[in-house]
Amino acid sequence: MPQLNPAPWFAILVFSWLVFLITIPPKVLSHTFPHEPTSQSTEKPKTNPWNWPWH
């Protein structure tokens, strides 16, 4: 049964993983965000309760 011969498929598998591990991560990591995240203050904003008439 030729589909059990690992010789050509193993080389394809190794080559595809080399492509994924060598060429793709630098391309993905080279992207920058348009806005850098800023640190938020830890204190909660003071909210006022809504005083709506419910009748």
Protein backbone atom coordinates (compact mmCIF):
# COMPACT_ATOMS: atom_id res chain seq x y z
CA MET A 1 0.00 0.00 0.00
CA PRO A 2 1.78 3.17 -1.13
CA GLN A 3 -0.04 5.53 1.24
CA LEU A 4 1.84 3.94 4.16
CA ASN A 5 5.22 4.92 2.72
CA PRO A 6 6.28 7.89 4.90
CA ALA A 7 9.19 9.00 2.73
CA PRO A 8 7.52 11.72 0.56
CA TRP A 9 4.94 12.82 3.13
CA PHE A 10 7.43 13.19 5.96
CA ALA A 11 9.57 15.51 3.83
CA ILE A 12 6.48 17.57 2.94
CA LEU A 13 5.50 17.72 6.61
CA VAL A 14 8.96 18.86 7.71
CA PHE A 15 9.21 21.45 4.94
CA SER A 16 5.78 22.89 5.71
CA TRP A 17 6.64 23.17 9.42
CA LEU A 18 9.88 24.88 8.54
CA VAL A 19 7.94 27.39 6.49
CA PHE A 20 5.51 27.96 9.35
CA LEU A 21 8.20 28.27 12.01
CA ILE A 22 10.80 30.30 10.11
CA THR A 23 9.01 32.65 7.74
CA ILE A 24 5.61 33.35 9.27
CA PRO A 25 6.47 34.43 12.89
CA PRO A 26 8.75 37.34 11.86
CA LYS A 27 6.07 38.57 9.45
CA VAL A 28 3.42 38.45 12.15
CA LEU A 29 5.65 40.02 14.81
CA SER A 30 6.64 42.89 12.54
CA HIS A 31 3.11 44.33 12.64
CA THR A 32 2.62 47.25 14.98
CA PHE A 33 -0.51 48.50 16.62
CA PRO A 34 -1.69 51.96 15.55
CA HIS A 35 -2.36 52.97 19.15
CA GLU A 36 -0.26 51.75 22.01
CA PRO A 37 -2.36 50.80 25.05
CA THR A 38 -2.28 53.29 27.89
CA SER A 39 -2.49 52.36 31.52
CA GLN A 40 -5.87 52.91 33.10
CA SER A 41 -6.24 54.41 36.54
CA THR A 42 -7.16 51.93 39.25
CA GLU A 43 -9.72 54.14 40.99
CA LYS A 44 -13.33 53.68 39.98
CA PRO A 45 -15.16 56.60 38.45
CA LYS A 46 -17.83 58.05 40.68
CA THR A 47 -21.28 57.39 39.25
CA ASN A 48 -24.49 59.06 40.25
CA PRO A 49 -27.69 57.04 40.52
CA TRP A 50 -30.42 57.78 38.04
CA ASN A 51 -33.43 59.38 39.62
CA TRP A 52 -36.19 58.43 37.19
CA PRO A 53 -39.85 58.39 38.09
CA TRP A 54 -41.07 54.84 37.48
CA HIS A 55 -44.83 55.52 37.41
